[in-house]
Protein backbone atom coordinates (compact mmCIF):
# COMPACT_ATOMS: atom_id res chain seq x y z
CA GLU A 1 40.41 0.37 6.69
CA GLN A 2 38.87 3.86 5.73
CA ASP A 3 40.52 7.39 4.86
CA GLU A 4 39.25 10.36 6.43
CA GLY A 5 36.62 10.93 3.89
CA GLY A 6 34.88 7.34 4.73
CA GLU A 7 36.49 5.91 1.71
CA PRO A 8 38.28 2.47 2.11
CA VAL A 9 41.89 1.95 1.72
CA GLN A 10 44.45 -0.37 1.55
CA ARG A 11 46.83 -0.37 4.37
CA ILE A 12 50.61 -2.25 3.74
CA HIS A 13 52.16 -3.67 7.46
CA ASP A 14 55.44 -3.76 7.93
CA GLU A 15 54.76 -7.62 8.53
CA VAL A 16 51.91 -9.80 9.82
CA PRO A 17 51.94 -12.57 12.12
CA PHE A 18 51.13 -16.01 10.52
CA THR A 19 51.44 -19.62 11.47
CA LEU A 20 51.18 -22.56 9.01
CA GLN A 21 48.60 -24.67 10.69
CA THR A 22 49.21 -28.23 11.05
CA ALA A 23 46.22 -31.39 11.49
CA ALA A 24 45.67 -35.10 11.24
CA LEU A 25 43.02 -35.95 8.18
CA GLY A 26 41.19 -38.32 10.90
CA GLU A 27 37.91 -40.13 9.94
CA GLN A 28 37.21 -37.07 7.45
CA THR A 29 37.62 -37.21 3.56
CA GLU A 30 39.92 -34.73 1.92
CA GLN A 31 36.96 -33.09 0.89
CA GLU A 32 35.65 -32.23 4.14
CA ALA A 33 39.15 -31.82 5.85
CA ALA A 34 39.31 -28.83 2.67
CA ALA A 35 35.18 -27.38 3.60
CA ALA A 36 36.31 -27.40 7.44
CA PHE A 37 39.11 -25.32 6.89
CA ILE A 38 37.61 -22.79 4.78
CA LYS A 39 36.41 -19.31 7.04
CA PRO A 40 34.97 -15.94 6.55
CA PHE A 41 38.18 -13.58 6.89
CA ASP A 42 37.81 -10.24 8.95
CA LEU A 43 38.74 -7.64 6.53
CA SER A 44 40.11 -5.79 9.04
CA ARG A 45 42.82 -7.76 10.28
CA ALA A 46 45.55 -9.26 8.47
CA PRO A 47 46.35 -11.14 7.22
CA LEU A 48 44.04 -12.28 4.64
CA PHE A 49 45.62 -15.70 4.02
CA ARG A 50 45.90 -18.86 5.80
CA ALA A 51 47.95 -22.43 5.24
CA GLN A 52 47.27 -25.81 6.66
CA ILE A 53 49.31 -29.15 6.14
CA VAL A 54 47.12 -32.05 6.78
CA LYS A 55 48.45 -35.59 7.26
CA ALA A 56 46.56 -37.71 5.28
CA SER A 57 49.01 -40.78 5.64
CA ASP A 58 52.79 -41.40 6.37
CA GLU A 59 53.39 -40.75 2.57
CA ARG A 60 51.11 -37.99 1.62
CA HIS A 61 49.87 -34.86 2.99
CA LEU A 62 47.79 -32.06 1.88
CA LEU A 63 48.35 -28.45 1.76
CA LEU A 64 45.52 -26.39 1.88
CA VAL A 65 45.34 -22.42 1.52
CA ASP A 66 42.82 -20.04 1.85
CA MET A 67 42.99 -16.33 0.28
CA HIS A 68 40.57 -13.83 0.56
CA HIS A 69 39.37 -12.62 -3.43
CA ILE A 70 40.55 -8.82 -2.12
CA ILE A 71 44.21 -10.00 -1.94
CA SER A 72 44.03 -12.35 -4.90
CA ASP A 73 41.90 -13.77 -8.16
CA GLY A 74 42.89 -17.12 -10.65
CA VAL A 75 45.88 -16.24 -11.59
CA SER A 76 47.26 -15.33 -8.36
CA VAL A 77 46.31 -18.92 -7.45
CA ASN A 78 47.98 -20.08 -9.92
CA ILE A 79 51.42 -17.98 -9.47
CA LEU A 80 51.09 -19.30 -5.93
CA ILE A 81 51.20 -22.99 -7.40
CA ARG A 82 53.98 -22.56 -9.76
CA GLU A 83 56.47 -20.58 -6.41
CA PHE A 84 55.41 -23.59 -3.78
CA GLY A 85 56.82 -26.03 -6.30
CA GLU A 86 59.69 -24.07 -7.35
CA LEU A 87 60.51 -23.66 -3.59
CA TYR A 88 60.10 -27.52 -2.58
CA ASN A 89 62.65 -27.94 -5.22
CA LYS A 90 64.62 -25.56 -4.06
CA ARG A 91 64.97 -23.56 -6.75
CA ASN A 92 65.12 -19.23 -6.24
CA LEU A 93 62.57 -16.92 -6.69
CA PRO A 94 63.14 -13.95 -9.09
CA ALA A 95 62.94 -10.61 -7.27
CA LEU A 96 59.75 -8.65 -7.87
CA HIS A 97 60.35 -5.42 -10.18
CA ILE A 98 57.29 -3.70 -8.72
CA GLN A 99 54.44 -4.39 -5.92
CA TYR A 100 50.96 -4.05 -5.77
CA LYS A 101 50.83 -0.86 -4.66
CA ASP A 102 52.49 0.28 -7.99
CA TYR A 103 49.89 -0.87 -9.84
CA ALA A 104 47.53 0.86 -7.75
CA VAL A 105 49.08 4.24 -7.96
CA TRP A 106 49.17 3.77 -11.90
CA GLN A 107 44.96 2.59 -12.35
CA GLU A 108 44.60 6.23 -10.03
CA GLY A 109 46.55 8.45 -12.44
CA PHE A 110 45.04 6.02 -15.58
CA LYS A 111 42.04 7.11 -14.53
CA LYS A 112 42.70 10.80 -14.72
CA GLY A 113 43.59 10.74 -18.62
CA ASP A 114 42.11 10.94 -21.88
CA ALA A 115 42.20 7.01 -22.37
CA TYR A 116 40.05 6.02 -19.39
CA GLN A 117 38.15 8.50 -20.80
CA THR A 118 37.18 7.07 -24.08
CA GLN A 119 37.12 3.76 -22.75
CA GLU A 120 34.25 4.83 -20.57
CA ALA A 121 32.20 6.41 -22.94
CA TYR A 122 32.39 3.26 -25.11
CA TRP A 123 31.11 0.95 -22.23
CA LEU A 124 28.31 3.66 -21.46
CA LYS A 125 27.47 3.32 -25.18
CA GLN A 126 27.19 -0.33 -25.05
CA LEU A 127 25.33 -0.64 -22.07
CA GLU A 128 23.11 2.30 -22.55
CA GLY A 129 19.41 1.80 -22.60
CA GLU A 130 17.37 -1.06 -20.74
CA LEU A 131 19.39 -3.91 -20.25
CA PRO A 132 18.32 -7.52 -21.29
CA VAL A 133 17.78 -10.09 -18.35
CA LEU A 134 18.64 -13.81 -19.21
CA ASP A 135 15.79 -16.01 -18.59
CA LEU A 136 16.47 -19.38 -19.22
CA PRO A 137 13.65 -22.03 -18.74
CA ALA A 138 13.70 -23.67 -15.90
CA ASP A 139 13.29 -27.83 -15.63
CA HIS A 140 10.93 -27.02 -12.13
CA THR A 141 9.35 -24.56 -11.11
CA ARG A 142 11.33 -21.56 -9.60
CA PRO A 143 10.94 -20.31 -6.07
CA PRO A 144 9.31 -16.84 -4.77
CA VAL A 145 12.29 -15.60 -3.81
CA ARG A 146 15.35 -16.67 -5.92
CA SER A 147 18.30 -18.10 -4.04
CA PHE A 148 20.89 -17.28 -7.35
CA ALA A 149 23.05 -20.18 -6.42
CA GLY A 150 24.19 -21.67 -8.97
CA ASP A 151 26.13 -24.59 -10.32
CA LYS A 152 28.12 -25.48 -13.59
CA VAL A 153 28.38 -28.11 -16.24
CA SER A 154 31.72 -29.18 -17.41
CA PHE A 155 32.84 -31.33 -20.47
CA THR A 156 35.94 -31.82 -22.95
CA LEU A 157 35.95 -31.22 -26.58
CA ASP A 158 37.59 -34.04 -28.59
CA GLN A 159 40.72 -33.49 -30.90
CA GLU A 160 38.65 -33.39 -33.93
CA ALA A 161 36.05 -30.48 -32.51
CA ALA A 162 39.03 -28.90 -31.37
CA SER A 163 40.62 -28.76 -34.46
CA GLY A 164 37.33 -27.63 -36.07
CA LEU A 165 36.94 -24.78 -34.05
CA HIS A 166 40.89 -23.60 -34.19
CA LYS A 167 40.48 -23.77 -38.02
CA LEU A 168 36.86 -21.66 -37.94
CA ALA A 169 38.99 -19.20 -35.70
CA ARG A 170 41.85 -18.62 -38.07
CA GLU A 171 39.52 -18.86 -41.47
CA ASN A 172 37.76 -15.82 -39.94
CA GLY A 173 40.71 -14.01 -38.58
CA SER A 174 39.66 -14.31 -35.10
CA THR A 175 40.55 -16.46 -31.58
CA LEU A 176 39.50 -19.38 -30.16
CA TYR A 177 38.26 -16.99 -27.16
CA MET A 178 36.06 -15.16 -29.92
CA VAL A 179 34.55 -18.21 -31.46
CA LEU A 180 33.81 -19.67 -28.19
CA LEU A 181 31.78 -16.82 -26.89
CA ALA A 182 29.84 -16.64 -30.13
CA ALA A 183 28.85 -19.85 -29.94
CA TYR A 184 28.05 -19.68 -26.36
CA THR A 185 25.65 -16.70 -26.80
CA ALA A 186 24.32 -18.49 -29.62
CA LEU A 187 23.32 -21.20 -27.06
CA LEU A 188 21.98 -18.63 -24.83
CA SER A 189 19.71 -16.83 -27.35
CA ARG A 190 18.70 -20.41 -28.38
CA LEU A 191 17.46 -21.93 -25.04
CA SER A 192 16.48 -18.60 -23.59
CA GLY A 193 14.53 -16.97 -27.12
CA GLN A 194 15.84 -13.77 -26.40
CA GLU A 195 17.96 -12.08 -29.28
CA GLU A 196 19.82 -9.63 -27.39
CA ILE A 197 22.42 -11.58 -24.53
CA ILE A 198 24.96 -9.93 -21.84
CA VAL A 199 27.49 -12.36 -20.67
CA GLY A 200 30.05 -11.65 -18.34
CA SER A 201 33.69 -12.52 -18.85
CA PRO A 202 36.74 -11.92 -16.90
CA ILE A 203 39.85 -10.11 -18.26
CA ALA A 204 43.19 -10.81 -16.70
CA GLY A 205 43.77 -7.01 -15.99
CA ARG A 206 47.70 -7.44 -16.24
CA PRO A 207 48.76 -4.88 -18.95
CA HIS A 208 52.54 -5.45 -18.29
CA LYS A 209 54.95 -7.91 -17.98
CA ASP A 210 56.10 -7.06 -14.72
CA LEU A 211 52.43 -7.45 -13.38
CA GLU A 212 52.31 -11.36 -14.56
CA PRO A 213 54.52 -12.51 -11.07
CA ILE A 214 52.18 -10.62 -8.46
CA LEU A 215 49.39 -12.02 -6.05
CA GLY A 216 46.87 -9.18 -5.86
CA MET A 217 43.27 -8.54 -7.40
CA PHE A 218 43.77 -7.62 -11.00
CA VAL A 219 40.76 -9.39 -12.84
CA ASN A 220 38.09 -7.49 -14.15
CA THR A 221 34.34 -8.81 -15.46
CA LEU A 222 33.59 -7.13 -19.16
CA ALA A 223 29.37 -6.92 -19.49
CA LEU A 224 29.75 -8.21 -23.42
CA ARG A 225 26.25 -6.97 -24.98
CA ALA A 226 25.69 -9.54 -27.85
CA ARG A 227 22.62 -9.63 -30.02
CA PRO A 228 22.54 -13.09 -31.70
CA GLU A 229 19.82 -12.65 -33.77
CA GLY A 230 18.13 -16.14 -35.52
CA GLY A 231 18.29 -14.33 -39.22
CA LYS A 232 22.02 -13.71 -39.17
């Protein structure tokens, strides 16, 4: 919804209608059933969450869950899975100390403080001037109009490589994340021939323990500007 000034605001309902849908898998594959279940949400109508039980066989059922990103993030998905498991095994969930609205109030207050101004000045300095645009070489000619449709490549490091990376991090007083980020920016620099790279990296955005069990959109993406110059 919007307030009187036209700014979007969150409305908290006392209760919302929710129905756990059911269906049979039939001739569909599990992937096809999941794809058919996902549909756009109307942001003006709660809930921005839906779930369905799909019967694959007498011994196998699928739980499909669809949530809009405006009310959840990756950590929220892990919380949901963990708490479903707890309830399935007849365990009680601990009570929440705060709600997402409390975080929203805190965040608005933080934006008025000195710490926020200091952080804002830091990031404005980091991202000042002309920003580099990553231009990786392509296998084929790029289309006249780019779709920006992305994909991913997944692989698993063996134990020897993982141990070596952990050792490198310890020897340099850094974290595994920092080592992997440095390697990633160096790889992008080598492939593109650019000596300045910006990488977007998500952070959890949950600075307090009481925020850890709450479902909501907390994640924030930092634009990290690196200069993996060839001579270094």
